[in-house]
Amino acid sequence: MYEFRVVDIHIEDGGDQELLVTASSPEAAARKALGIDLVRSGAKRDLRAKVYFQHPGQSLSMVRLYAKVAERAIAERV
């Protein structure tokens, strides 16, 4: 288990929200922090979170996570 800093870049007031969580992967960290499943590839408009982490002895890493296309389509219909 590693500590991840999840930055939610899709909140309503325009600001970013950061959450620290312990998880096994960036996707698991986002699921824990935001309560939604995200994927590592997608369109720029679907960008939902950036997840930062650092394994021992390595430099800081960041993964961009995107909303799934099917979930975006459902949200647009509502």
PDB file of N, CA and C in Angstrom:
ATOM      1  N   MET A   1       0.841  -1.180   0.000  1.00  0.00           N
ATOM      2  CA  MET A   1       0.000   0.000   0.000  1.00  0.00           C
ATOM      3  C   MET A   1       0.887   1.244   0.000  1.00  0.00           C
ATOM      4  N   TYR A   2       0.463   2.214  -0.768  1.00  0.00           N
ATOM      5  CA  TYR A   2       1.194   3.469  -0.897  1.00  0.00           C
ATOM      6  C   TYR A   2       0.272   4.635  -0.584  1.00  0.00           C
ATOM      7  N   GLU A   3       0.876   5.778  -0.294  1.00  0.00           N
ATOM      8  CA  GLU A   3       0.086   6.980  -0.076  1.00  0.00           C
ATOM      9  C   GLU A   3       0.018   7.766  -1.384  1.00  0.00           C
ATOM     10  N   PHE A   4      -1.189   8.188  -1.744  1.00  0.00           N
ATOM     11  CA  PHE A   4      -1.433   8.923  -2.970  1.00  0.00           C
ATOM     12  C   PHE A   4      -2.082  10.256  -2.639  1.00  0.00           C
ATOM     13  N   ARG A   5      -1.740  11.271  -3.406  1.00  0.00           N
ATOM     14  CA  ARG A   5      -2.410  12.571  -3.292  1.00  0.00           C
ATOM     15  C   ARG A   5      -3.301  12.699  -4.521  1.00  0.00           C
ATOM     16  N   VAL A   6      -4.610  12.668  -4.287  1.00  0.00           N
ATOM     17  CA  VAL A   6      -5.591  12.728  -5.360  1.00  0.00           C
ATOM     18  C   VAL A   6      -6.083  14.168  -5.470  1.00  0.00           C
ATOM     19  N   VAL A   7      -5.914  14.763  -6.644  1.00  0.00           N
ATOM     20  CA  VAL A   7      -6.372  16.122  -6.889  1.00  0.00           C
ATOM     21  C   VAL A   7      -7.601  16.039  -7.782  1.00  0.00           C
ATOM     22  N   ASP A   8      -8.758  16.383  -7.217  1.00  0.00           N
ATOM     23  CA  ASP A   8     -10.017  16.390  -7.967  1.00  0.00           C
ATOM     24  C   ASP A   8     -10.095  17.707  -8.723  1.00  0.00           C
ATOM     25  N   ILE A   9      -9.959  17.657 -10.032  1.00  0.00           N
ATOM     26  CA  ILE A   9      -9.950  18.896 -10.813  1.00  0.00           C
ATOM     27  C   ILE A   9     -11.303  19.203 -11.433  1.00  0.00           C
ATOM     28  N   HIS A  10     -12.314  18.495 -11.010  1.00  0.00           N
ATOM     29  CA  HIS A  10     -13.638  18.660 -11.616  1.00  0.00           C
ATOM     30  C   HIS A  10     -14.680  18.964 -10.546  1.00  0.00           C
ATOM     31  N   ILE A  11     -14.393  19.934  -9.691  1.00  0.00           N
ATOM     32  CA  ILE A  11     -15.381  20.295  -8.679  1.00  0.00           C
ATOM     33  C   ILE A  11     -16.088  21.573  -9.101  1.00  0.00           C
ATOM     34  N   GLU A  12     -17.287  21.760  -8.608  1.00  0.00           N
ATOM     35  CA  GLU A  12     -18.196  22.789  -9.096  1.00  0.00           C
ATOM     36  C   GLU A  12     -17.697  24.227  -8.936  1.00  0.00           C
ATOM     37  N   ASP A  13     -17.027  24.580  -7.859  1.00  0.00           N
ATOM     38  CA  ASP A  13     -16.652  25.978  -7.629  1.00  0.00           C
ATOM     39  C   ASP A  13     -15.397  26.407  -8.383  1.00  0.00           C
ATOM     40  N   GLY A  14     -14.824  25.513  -9.175  1.00  0.00           N
ATOM     41  CA  GLY A  14     -13.675  25.873  -9.995  1.00  0.00           C
ATOM     42  C   GLY A  14     -12.332  25.655  -9.330  1.00  0.00           C
ATOM     43  N   GLY A  15     -12.295  25.405  -8.036  1.00  0.00           N
ATOM     44  CA  GLY A  15     -11.038  25.158  -7.339  1.00  0.00           C
ATOM     45  C   GLY A  15     -10.691  23.682  -7.342  1.00  0.00           C
ATOM     46  N   ASP A  16      -9.479  23.358  -6.987  1.00  0.00           N
ATOM     47  CA  ASP A  16      -9.050  21.965  -6.896  1.00  0.00           C
ATOM     48  C   ASP A  16      -9.166  21.498  -5.457  1.00  0.00           C
ATOM     49  N   GLN A  17      -9.490  20.236  -5.276  1.00  0.00           N
ATOM     50  CA  GLN A  17      -9.564  19.639  -3.954  1.00  0.00           C
ATOM     51  C   GLN A  17      -8.544  18.509  -3.889  1.00  0.00           C
ATOM     52  N   GLU A  18      -7.720  18.504  -2.856  1.00  0.00           N
ATOM     53  CA  GLU A  18      -6.700  17.475  -2.699  1.00  0.00           C
ATOM     54  C   GLU A  18      -7.060  16.574  -1.527  1.00  0.00           C
ATOM     55  N   LEU A  19      -6.877  15.262  -1.729  1.00  0.00           N
ATOM     56  CA  LEU A  19      -7.151  14.279  -0.689  1.00  0.00           C
ATOM     57  C   LEU A  19      -5.985  13.310  -0.613  1.00  0.00           C
ATOM     58  N   LEU A  20      -5.552  12.961   0.588  1.00  0.00           N
ATOM     59  CA  LEU A  20      -4.507  11.958   0.784  1.00  0.00           C
ATOM     60  C   LEU A  20      -5.162  10.642   1.155  1.00  0.00           C
ATOM     61  N   VAL A  21      -4.833   9.583   0.413  1.00  0.00           N
ATOM     62  CA  VAL A  21      -5.387   8.258   0.696  1.00  0.00           C
ATOM     63  C   VAL A  21      -4.306   7.204   0.558  1.00  0.00           C
ATOM     64  N   THR A  22      -4.509   6.089   1.203  1.00  0.00           N
ATOM     65  CA  THR A  22      -3.622   4.943   1.085  1.00  0.00           C
ATOM     66  C   THR A  22      -4.329   3.901   0.233  1.00  0.00           C
ATOM     67  N   ALA A  23      -3.651   3.431  -0.809  1.00  0.00           N
ATOM     68  CA  ALA A  23      -4.249   2.461  -1.724  1.00  0.00           C
ATOM     69  C   ALA A  23      -3.143   1.690  -2.439  1.00  0.00           C
ATOM     70  N   SER A  24      -3.557   0.737  -3.273  1.00  0.00           N
ATOM     71  CA  SER A  24      -2.583  -0.089  -3.990  1.00  0.00           C
ATOM     72  C   SER A  24      -2.247   0.431  -5.382  1.00  0.00           C
ATOM     73  N   SER A  25      -3.074   1.326  -5.926  1.00  0.00           N
ATOM     74  CA  SER A  25      -2.830   1.868  -7.266  1.00  0.00           C
ATOM     75  C   SER A  25      -3.465   3.251  -7.368  1.00  0.00           C
ATOM     76  N   PRO A  26      -3.070   4.031  -8.373  1.00  0.00           N
ATOM     77  CA  PRO A  26      -3.701   5.337  -8.556  1.00  0.00           C
ATOM     78  C   PRO A  26      -5.216   5.234  -8.780  1.00  0.00           C
ATOM     79  N   GLU A  27      -5.644   4.223  -9.543  1.00  0.00           N
ATOM     80  CA  GLU A  27      -7.072   4.040  -9.780  1.00  0.00           C
ATOM     81  C   GLU A  27      -7.817   3.718  -8.493  1.00  0.00           C
ATOM     82  N   ALA A  28      -7.226   2.871  -7.657  1.00  0.00           N
ATOM     83  CA  ALA A  28      -7.849   2.532  -6.370  1.00  0.00           C
ATOM     84  C   ALA A  28      -7.893   3.749  -5.455  1.00  0.00           C
ATOM     85  N   ALA A  29      -6.862   4.574  -5.506  1.00  0.00           N
ATOM     86  CA  ALA A  29      -6.833   5.791  -4.692  1.00  0.00           C
ATOM     87  C   ALA A  29      -7.944   6.744  -5.115  1.00  0.00           C
ATOM     88  N   ALA A  30      -8.133   6.914  -6.422  1.00  0.00           N
ATOM     89  CA  ALA A  30      -9.199   7.794  -6.919  1.00  0.00           C
ATOM     90  C   ALA A  30     -10.568   7.248  -6.535  1.00  0.00           C
ATOM     91  N   ARG A  31     -10.744   5.943  -6.636  1.00  0.00           N
ATOM     92  CA  ARG A  31     -12.020   5.323  -6.266  1.00  0.00           C
ATOM     93  C   ARG A  31     -12.319   5.560  -4.785  1.00  0.00           C
ATOM     94  N   LYS A  32     -11.291   5.431  -3.965  1.00  0.00           N
ATOM     95  CA  LYS A  32     -11.442   5.645  -2.522  1.00  0.00           C
ATOM     96  C   LYS A  32     -11.735   7.112  -2.203  1.00  0.00           C
ATOM     97  N   ALA A  33     -11.034   8.018  -2.862  1.00  0.00           N
ATOM     98  CA  ALA A  33     -11.158   9.448  -2.569  1.00  0.00           C
ATOM     99  C   ALA A  33     -12.410  10.072  -3.168  1.00  0.00           C
ATOM    100  N   LEU A  34     -12.748   9.674  -4.394  1.00  0.00           N
ATOM    101  CA  LEU A  34     -13.822  10.336  -5.123  1.00  0.00           C
ATOM    102  C   LEU A  34     -15.091   9.499  -5.257  1.00  0.00           C
ATOM    103  N   GLY A  35     -14.953   8.201  -5.013  1.00  0.00           N
ATOM    104  CA  GLY A  35     -16.121   7.329  -5.095  1.00  0.00           C
ATOM    105  C   GLY A  35     -16.543   6.973  -6.508  1.00  0.00           C
ATOM    106  N   ILE A  36     -15.647   7.138  -7.484  1.00  0.00           N
ATOM    107  CA  ILE A  36     -15.968   6.788  -8.865  1.00  0.00           C
ATOM    108  C   ILE A  36     -14.805   6.037  -9.499  1.00  0.00           C
ATOM    109  N   ASP A  37     -15.106   5.241 -10.509  1.00  0.00           N
ATOM    110  CA  ASP A  37     -14.072   4.520 -11.249  1.00  0.00           C
ATOM    111  C   ASP A  37     -13.561   5.403 -12.379  1.00  0.00           C
ATOM    112  N   LEU A  38     -12.249   5.551 -12.443  1.00  0.00           N
ATOM    113  CA  LEU A  38     -11.617   6.349 -13.487  1.00  0.00           C
ATOM    114  C   LEU A  38     -10.619   5.483 -14.242  1.00  0.00           C
ATOM    115  N   VAL A  39     -10.268   5.909 -15.448  1.00  0.00           N
ATOM    116  CA  VAL A  39      -9.325   5.159 -16.282  1.00  0.00           C
ATOM    117  C   VAL A  39      -8.159   6.064 -16.682  1.00  0.00           C
ATOM    118  N   ARG A  40      -7.076   5.446 -17.156  1.00  0.00           N
ATOM    119  CA  ARG A  40      -5.854   6.202 -17.459  1.00  0.00           C
ATOM    120  C   ARG A  40      -5.839   6.879 -18.817  1.00  0.00           C
ATOM    121  N   SER A  41      -6.768   6.600 -19.666  1.00  0.00           N
ATOM    122  CA  SER A  41      -6.774   7.262 -20.969  1.00  0.00           C
ATOM    123  C   SER A  41      -8.156   7.833 -21.251  1.00  0.00           C
ATOM    124  N   GLY A  42      -8.165   8.924 -22.005  1.00  0.00           N
ATOM    125  CA  GLY A  42      -9.440   9.540 -22.341  1.00  0.00           C
ATOM    126  C   GLY A  42      -9.239  10.884 -22.997  1.00  0.00           C
ATOM    127  N   ALA A  43     -10.339  11.507 -23.339  1.00  0.00           N
ATOM    128  CA  ALA A  43     -10.307  12.826 -23.959  1.00  0.00           C
ATOM    129  C   ALA A  43     -10.030  13.888 -22.911  1.00  0.00           C
ATOM    130  N   LYS A  44      -9.428  14.981 -23.344  1.00  0.00           N
ATOM    131  CA  LYS A  44      -9.077  16.067 -22.434  1.00  0.00           C
ATOM    132  C   LYS A  44     -10.290  16.559 -21.639  1.00  0.00           C
ATOM    133  N   ARG A  45     -11.451  16.612 -22.278  1.00  0.00           N
ATOM    134  CA  ARG A  45     -12.658  17.092 -21.591  1.00  0.00           C
ATOM    135  C   ARG A  45     -13.124  16.156 -20.493  1.00  0.00           C
ATOM    136  N   ASP A  46     -12.655  14.891 -20.504  1.00  0.00           N
ATOM    137  CA  ASP A  46     -13.046  13.917 -19.492  1.00  0.00           C
ATOM    138  C   ASP A  46     -12.050  13.813 -18.339  1.00  0.00           C
ATOM    139  N   LEU A  47     -11.002  14.649 -18.366  1.00  0.00           N
ATOM    140  CA  LEU A  47     -10.019  14.632 -17.292  1.00  0.00           C
ATOM    141  C   LEU A  47     -10.702  14.934 -15.976  1.00  0.00           C
ATOM    142  N   ARG A  48     -10.519  14.065 -14.997  1.00  0.00           N
ATOM    143  CA  ARG A  48     -11.230  14.205 -13.729  1.00  0.00           C
ATOM    144  C   ARG A  48     -10.300  14.377 -12.536  1.00  0.00           C
ATOM    145  N   ALA A  49      -9.123  13.731 -12.583  1.00  0.00           N
ATOM    146  CA  ALA A  49      -8.233  13.794 -11.423  1.00  0.00           C
ATOM    147  C   ALA A  49      -6.784  13.598 -11.852  1.00  0.00           C
ATOM    148  N   LYS A  50      -5.903  14.145 -11.029  1.00  0.00           N
ATOM    149  CA  LYS A  50      -4.474  13.866 -11.140  1.00  0.00           C
ATOM    150  C   LYS A  50      -4.077  13.203  -9.828  1.00  0.00           C
ATOM    151  N   VAL A  51      -3.327  12.122  -9.935  1.00  0.00           N
ATOM    152  CA  VAL A  51      -2.921  11.370  -8.750  1.00  0.00           C
ATOM    153  C   VAL A  51      -1.397  11.372  -8.682  1.00  0.00           C
ATOM    154  N   TYR A  52      -0.879  11.873  -7.569  1.00  0.00           N
ATOM    155  CA  TYR A  52       0.569  11.974  -7.355  1.00  0.00           C
ATOM    156  C   TYR A  52       1.006  10.922  -6.344  1.00  0.00           C
ATOM    157  N   PHE A  53       2.177  10.338  -6.584  1.00  0.00           N
ATOM    158  CA  PHE A  53       2.722   9.354  -5.650  1.00  0.00           C
ATOM    159  C   PHE A  53       4.227   9.266  -5.844  1.00  0.00           C
ATOM    160  N   GLN A  54       4.893   8.708  -4.838  1.00  0.00           N
ATOM    161  CA  GLN A  54       6.347   8.562  -4.901  1.00  0.00           C
ATOM    162  C   GLN A  54       6.734   7.256  -4.245  1.00  0.00           C
ATOM    163  N   HIS A  55       7.260   6.342  -5.034  1.00  0.00           N
ATOM    164  CA  HIS A  55       7.761   5.088  -4.497  1.00  0.00           C
ATOM    165  C   HIS A  55       9.129   5.350  -3.872  1.00  0.00           C
ATOM    166  N   PRO A  56       9.513   4.612  -2.850  1.00  0.00           N
ATOM    167  CA  PRO A  56      10.802   4.833  -2.192  1.00  0.00           C
ATOM    168  C   PRO A  56      11.968   4.798  -3.187  1.00  0.00           C
ATOM    169  N   GLY A  57      12.811   5.810  -3.107  1.00  0.00           N
ATOM    170  CA  GLY A  57      13.988   5.886  -3.960  1.00  0.00           C
ATOM    171  C   GLY A  57      13.725   6.362  -5.379  1.00  0.00           C
ATOM    172  N   GLN A  58      12.490   6.754  -5.686  1.00  0.00           N
ATOM    173  CA  GLN A  58      12.161   7.223  -7.031  1.00  0.00           C
ATOM    174  C   GLN A  58      11.633   8.647  -6.980  1.00  0.00           C
ATOM    175  N   SER A  59      11.568   9.283  -8.138  1.00  0.00           N
ATOM    176  CA  SER A  59      11.054  10.651  -8.193  1.00  0.00           C
ATOM    177  C   SER A  59       9.520  10.644  -8.142  1.00  0.00           C
ATOM    178  N   LEU A  60       8.966  11.815  -7.920  1.00  0.00           N
ATOM    179  CA  LEU A  60       7.522  11.981  -7.847  1.00  0.00           C
ATOM    180  C   LEU A  60       6.891  11.637  -9.194  1.00  0.00           C
ATOM    181  N   SER A  61       5.814  10.869  -9.167  1.00  0.00           N
ATOM    182  CA  SER A  61       5.097  10.485 -10.379  1.00  0.00           C
ATOM    183  C   SER A  61       3.677  11.023 -10.330  1.00  0.00           C
ATOM    184  N   MET A  62       3.089  11.210 -11.521  1.00  0.00           N
ATOM    185  CA  MET A  62       1.720  11.690 -11.609  1.00  0.00           C
ATOM    186  C   MET A  62       0.998  10.913 -12.699  1.00  0.00           C
ATOM    187  N   VAL A  63      -0.248  10.549 -12.415  1.00  0.00           N
ATOM    188  CA  VAL A  63      -1.092   9.856 -13.374  1.00  0.00           C
ATOM    189  C   VAL A  63      -2.357  10.675 -13.565  1.00  0.00           C
ATOM    190  N   ARG A  64      -2.730  10.913 -14.813  1.00  0.00           N
ATOM    191  CA  ARG A  64      -3.999  11.583 -15.111  1.00  0.00           C
ATOM    192  C   ARG A  64      -5.071  10.516 -15.252  1.00  0.00           C
ATOM    193  N   LEU A  65      -6.213  10.754 -14.619  1.00  0.00           N
ATOM    194  CA  LEU A  65      -7.311   9.795 -14.701  1.00  0.00           C
ATOM    195  C   LEU A  65      -8.541  10.479 -15.278  1.00  0.00           C
ATOM    196  N   TYR A  66      -9.247   9.740 -16.110  1.00  0.00           N
ATOM    197  CA  TYR A  66     -10.361  10.274 -16.879  1.00  0.00           C
ATOM    198  C   TYR A  66     -11.659   9.533 -16.570  1.00  0.00           C
ATOM    199  N   ALA A  67     -12.773  10.241 -16.720  1.00  0.00           N
ATOM    200  CA  ALA A  67     -14.083   9.612 -16.595  1.00  0.00           C
ATOM    201  C   ALA A  67     -14.277   8.672 -17.776  1.00  0.00           C
ATOM    202  N   LYS A  68     -14.962   7.568 -17.528  1.00  0.00           N
ATOM    203  CA  LYS A  68     -15.276   6.655 -18.617  1.00  0.00           C
ATOM    204  C   LYS A  68     -16.302   7.299 -19.537  1.00  0.00           C
ATOM    205  N   VAL A  69     -16.212   7.021 -20.815  1.00  0.00           N
ATOM    206  CA  VAL A  69     -17.108   7.625 -21.795  1.00  0.00           C
ATOM    207  C   VAL A  69     -18.560   7.294 -21.479  1.00  0.00           C
ATOM    208  N   ALA A  70     -18.853   6.067 -21.093  1.00  0.00           N
ATOM    209  CA  ALA A  70     -20.232   5.673 -20.776  1.00  0.00           C
ATOM    210  C   ALA A  70     -20.778   6.493 -19.616  1.00  0.00           C
ATOM    211  N   GLU A  71     -19.951   6.771 -18.596  1.00  0.00           N
ATOM    212  CA  GLU A  71     -20.401   7.563 -17.456  1.00  0.00           C
ATOM    213  C   GLU A  71     -20.651   9.000 -17.865  1.00  0.00           C
ATOM    214  N   ARG A  72     -19.851   9.534 -18.784  1.00  0.00           N
ATOM    215  CA  ARG A  72     -20.068  10.910 -19.253  1.00  0.00           C
ATOM    216  C   ARG A  72     -21.389  10.986 -20.005  1.00  0.00           C
ATOM    217  N   ALA A  73     -21.680   9.994 -20.828  1.00  0.00           N
ATOM    218  CA  ALA A  73     -22.915   9.985 -21.598  1.00  0.00           C
ATOM    219  C   ALA A  73     -24.128   9.952 -20.682  1.00  0.00           C
ATOM    220  N   ILE A  74     -24.063   9.210 -19.609  1.00  0.00           N
ATOM    221  CA  ILE A  74     -25.166   9.145 -18.646  1.00  0.00           C
ATOM    222  C   ILE A  74     -25.334  10.494 -17.953  1.00  0.00           C
ATOM    223  N   ALA A  75     -24.226  11.120 -17.561  1.00  0.00           N
ATOM    224  CA  ALA A  75     -24.284  12.413 -16.872  1.00  0.00           C
ATOM    225  C   ALA A  75     -24.852  13.496 -17.778  1.00  0.00           C
ATOM    226  N   GLU A  76     -24.568  13.440 -19.075  1.00  0.00           N
ATOM    227  CA  GLU A  76     -25.078  14.446 -20.005  1.00  0.00           C
ATOM    228  C   GLU A  76     -26.579  14.316 -20.214  1.00  0.00           C
ATOM    229  N   ARG A  77     -27.121  13.113 -20.066  1.00  0.00           N
ATOM    230  CA  ARG A  77     -28.559  12.904 -20.241  1.00  0.00           C
ATOM    231  C   ARG A  77     -29.371  13.402 -19.071  1.00  0.00           C
ATOM    232  N   VAL A  78     -28.748  13.487 -17.893  1.00  0.00           N
ATOM    233  CA  VAL A  78     -29.488  13.877 -16.677  1.00  0.00           C
ATOM    234  C   VAL A  78     -29.718  15.348 -16.606  1.00  0.00           C
TER     235      VAL A  78
END
